[in-house]
Protein backbone atom coordinates (compact mmCIF):
# COMPACT_ATOMS: atom_id res chain seq x y z
CA MET A 1 106.80 75.01 119.04
CA ARG A 2 104.70 77.03 118.18
CA TYR A 3 105.79 81.10 119.64
CA GLY A 4 102.99 82.90 120.53
CA MET A 5 102.15 86.19 123.00
CA LEU A 6 99.63 87.67 125.05
CA ILE A 7 99.12 91.58 125.11
CA ASP A 8 96.90 92.52 128.22
CA LEU A 9 95.30 95.56 127.09
CA THR A 10 94.32 96.64 131.16
CA LYS A 11 97.66 96.86 131.59
CA CYS A 12 98.64 98.76 128.77
CA VAL A 13 99.32 102.87 129.80
CA GLY A 14 100.31 103.40 125.71
CA CYS A 15 103.87 104.72 126.71
CA ASN A 16 105.57 103.65 123.47
CA ALA A 17 108.20 102.06 124.99
CA CYS A 18 107.59 98.47 122.83
CA THR A 19 107.95 101.10 119.44
CA VAL A 20 111.30 102.33 120.76
CA ALA A 21 112.38 98.87 122.13
CA CYS A 22 111.26 97.46 118.35
CA ARG A 23 113.27 100.71 117.31
CA ASN A 24 116.62 100.41 119.39
CA HIS A 25 117.17 96.45 118.78
CA ASN A 26 116.74 96.12 114.88
CA GLY A 27 118.03 99.32 113.70
CA THR A 28 115.32 100.34 111.25
CA PRO A 29 116.12 103.09 109.37
CA SER A 30 113.45 106.13 109.67
CA GLY A 31 109.94 105.79 108.59
CA VAL A 32 110.12 101.59 109.43
CA SER A 33 108.23 100.96 112.24
CA LEU A 34 107.62 96.54 112.78
CA HIS A 35 105.67 97.64 116.20
CA LYS A 36 103.33 100.60 116.25
CA ILE A 37 100.31 101.51 119.30
CA MET A 38 96.61 102.32 118.11
CA LYS A 39 95.17 104.62 120.14
CA TYR A 40 91.31 105.42 120.34
CA GLU A 41 88.55 107.04 122.60
CA VAL A 42 85.33 104.72 123.86
CA GLY A 43 83.11 106.69 125.95
CA ARG A 44 81.07 109.91 125.73
CA PHE A 45 82.53 112.86 126.53
CA PRO A 46 82.75 113.94 129.91
CA HIS A 47 83.43 109.95 130.63
CA SER A 48 85.49 108.89 127.47
CA LYS A 49 89.17 107.58 127.85
CA MET A 50 92.05 106.54 125.94
CA LYS A 51 92.35 103.08 124.90
CA PHE A 52 95.91 101.39 123.23
CA LEU A 53 96.29 98.89 120.99
CA PRO A 54 99.75 97.72 120.55
CA MET A 55 100.18 95.42 116.95
CA PRO A 56 103.32 93.79 116.78
CA CYS A 57 103.55 91.34 113.91
CA MET A 58 100.41 88.70 113.98
CA GLN A 59 103.05 85.58 113.05
CA CYS A 60 99.58 84.14 111.37
CA ASP A 61 99.70 80.30 111.23
CA ASN A 62 97.10 80.76 107.70
CA ALA A 63 99.02 83.93 107.20
CA PRO A 64 97.60 85.50 104.20
CA CYS A 65 101.13 87.78 103.12
CA GLU A 66 102.61 84.15 102.59
CA LYS A 67 100.26 83.37 100.31
CA ALA A 68 100.64 86.01 98.51
CA CYS A 69 103.91 86.30 97.71
CA PRO A 70 104.61 84.92 93.86
CA ILE A 71 107.85 84.15 94.33
CA GLY A 72 108.29 82.66 97.88
CA ALA A 73 109.87 85.51 99.81
CA THR A 74 108.00 85.11 102.55
CA VAL A 75 108.29 81.57 104.80
CA LYS A 76 106.82 80.43 107.87
CA ARG A 77 110.31 78.80 110.13
CA PRO A 78 110.40 76.14 112.32
CA GLY A 79 108.30 77.98 115.85
CA GLY A 80 105.39 79.31 113.46
CA ILE A 81 107.33 82.92 113.13
CA VAL A 82 106.31 84.40 109.48
CA GLU A 83 110.14 86.03 108.11
CA VAL A 84 110.77 87.52 104.41
CA LEU A 85 113.51 86.96 102.87
CA ALA A 86 115.42 90.06 101.95
CA ASP A 87 117.59 88.90 98.76
CA GLN A 88 114.74 87.12 97.60
CA CYS A 89 111.90 89.96 98.15
CA MET A 90 111.37 92.07 94.89
CA GLY A 91 109.47 94.30 96.21
CA CYS A 92 105.81 93.94 94.54
CA ARG A 93 104.07 94.23 97.84
CA GLY A 94 101.61 91.78 97.59
CA CYS A 95 102.21 90.49 100.72
CA VAL A 96 101.34 94.27 102.35
CA THR A 97 98.39 94.36 100.57
CA ALA A 98 97.17 90.77 101.61
CA CYS A 99 98.09 91.43 105.53
CA PRO A 100 94.97 92.58 107.57
CA TYR A 101 96.67 93.80 110.27
CA ASP A 102 99.18 96.20 108.40
CA SER A 103 102.20 94.71 109.81
CA ARG A 104 104.53 94.94 106.81
CA GLN A 105 107.01 98.04 106.32
CA PHE A 106 107.74 98.80 102.84
CA VAL A 107 111.53 100.27 102.77
CA TRP A 108 111.25 102.96 100.15
CA GLU A 109 114.81 104.50 101.30
CA ILE A 110 117.05 104.03 103.82
CA LYS A 111 117.86 107.71 105.81
CA ASN A 112 118.61 108.51 109.54
CA TYR A 113 116.72 110.01 111.66
CA TYR A 114 118.11 112.98 112.20
CA GLU A 115 119.11 114.76 108.55
CA GLN A 116 120.67 117.13 108.66
CA ALA A 117 122.42 115.56 111.71
CA PRO A 118 125.49 112.95 110.48
CA VAL A 119 124.65 109.46 110.64
CA THR A 120 126.00 108.37 113.84
CA LEU A 121 127.52 104.85 113.92
CA PHE A 122 124.91 102.89 115.27
CA GLU A 123 122.15 103.79 112.18
CA LYS A 124 125.64 103.43 109.54
CA LYS A 125 126.32 100.02 110.97
CA ARG A 126 122.85 98.38 111.88
CA HIS A 127 121.40 100.09 108.19
CA LYS A 128 123.19 97.36 106.46
CA GLU A 129 120.65 94.63 107.51
CA TYR A 130 118.26 96.94 105.40
CA GLN A 131 117.85 96.70 101.38
CA GLN A 132 115.96 99.39 99.71
CA GLY A 133 113.20 98.20 97.92
CA THR A 134 112.29 95.53 99.67
CA VAL A 135 109.53 94.70 102.69
CA VAL A 136 110.04 94.19 106.15
CA LYS A 137 108.34 92.82 109.46
CA CYS A 138 108.74 91.95 112.97
CA THR A 139 109.84 88.22 113.97
CA PHE A 140 109.54 88.13 117.44
CA CYS A 141 112.67 89.18 117.45
CA LEU A 142 113.84 85.69 116.07
CA ASN A 143 117.77 86.68 116.62
CA ARG A 144 116.78 87.29 120.78
CA LEU A 145 114.92 83.52 120.04
CA GLN A 146 117.68 82.40 118.79
CA GLU A 147 119.57 83.17 122.46
CA GLY A 148 117.16 82.21 124.67
CA LEU A 149 115.83 85.44 125.42
CA ASP A 150 112.59 87.29 125.32
CA PRO A 151 111.39 89.43 122.36
CA ALA A 152 113.32 93.14 123.42
CA CYS A 153 109.05 94.86 123.34
CA VAL A 154 108.17 91.99 125.92
CA THR A 155 111.91 92.67 128.19
CA THR A 156 110.77 96.80 127.55
CA CYS A 157 107.33 96.81 128.67
CA PRO A 158 107.49 98.96 132.38
CA SER A 159 103.82 97.39 132.31
CA GLN A 160 104.46 94.51 132.37
CA CYS A 161 101.67 93.40 129.86
CA ARG A 162 102.97 91.37 127.62
CA VAL A 163 104.09 87.27 128.22
CA PHE A 164 105.97 85.23 125.87
CA GLY A 165 105.92 81.56 125.30
CA ASP A 166 104.84 78.19 123.55
CA LEU A 167 101.55 78.44 122.47
CA ASP A 168 101.65 74.39 121.77
CA ASP A 169 102.34 73.86 125.57
CA PRO A 170 99.50 73.80 127.69
CA SER A 171 101.39 73.94 130.48
CA SER A 172 103.62 77.55 129.34
CA ASP A 173 103.07 80.97 131.41
CA LEU A 174 101.39 82.04 128.04
CA SER A 175 98.81 79.28 127.63
CA LYS A 176 97.73 79.82 131.57
CA ALA A 177 98.00 83.94 131.08
CA ILE A 178 95.83 82.71 127.81
CA ALA A 179 93.23 80.59 129.19
CA ALA A 180 92.70 82.51 132.87
CA GLY A 181 92.56 86.00 130.66
CA ASN A 182 89.90 84.19 127.66
CA ALA A 183 92.20 86.39 125.47
CA ARG A 184 91.41 86.47 121.76
CA PRO A 185 93.41 86.77 118.50
CA PHE A 186 92.33 90.47 117.07
CA ARG A 187 89.87 90.05 114.31
CA GLU A 188 88.99 86.59 114.68
CA ASP A 189 86.95 86.18 112.03
CA LEU A 190 89.33 86.90 109.85
CA GLU A 191 90.73 83.06 110.34
CA THR A 192 94.35 83.54 110.18
CA SER A 193 95.06 82.26 113.40
CA PRO A 194 97.26 84.74 114.65
CA SER A 195 99.93 84.19 117.67
CA VAL A 196 99.09 87.35 119.44
CA TYR A 197 96.07 87.40 121.71
CA TYR A 198 94.45 90.21 123.64
CA ILE A 199 92.96 90.54 127.12
CA ASN A 200 89.97 93.19 126.37
CA GLY A 201 89.65 95.54 129.84
């Protein structure tokens, strides 16, 4: 079993529903985003258009971040998910520098989204899960996976551009979609063996 994800860029509309779902599910403090969407322009005026590249953690099988951690606070769990052990992270940010996908976030401070307003009950509860001075990252919503659910970004996407499943199972919907769409990982040349694949439109 190796968890993986396919993102069909021909269907992504850049609505950021995945980013919002990620923030809501993980209760991240202001300034911390575990999922981002890169926006870029292709073509030449007047025939140019915007394209979008959703960027969750790639959950690399050959993860540079894991190798860069001097104390072993970054580990690979069964299923291939790369996780930061917050209680062990010393905040050196070596893993942040090592990640070629900019998938890791450093928690500089824990603050609510609206600084002039009182902290909401949701923020008060969820922010206890974070430690200032540590690194955090996407884990494919590991707690949801343990309940048999897909990651929040997958279930929320209105254009249904994501497929989640087992990369090691050739009969899984994910493996079939990757083969049918000739999907490839982002920056395959880096030889990190990412678990996220893209259909490029």
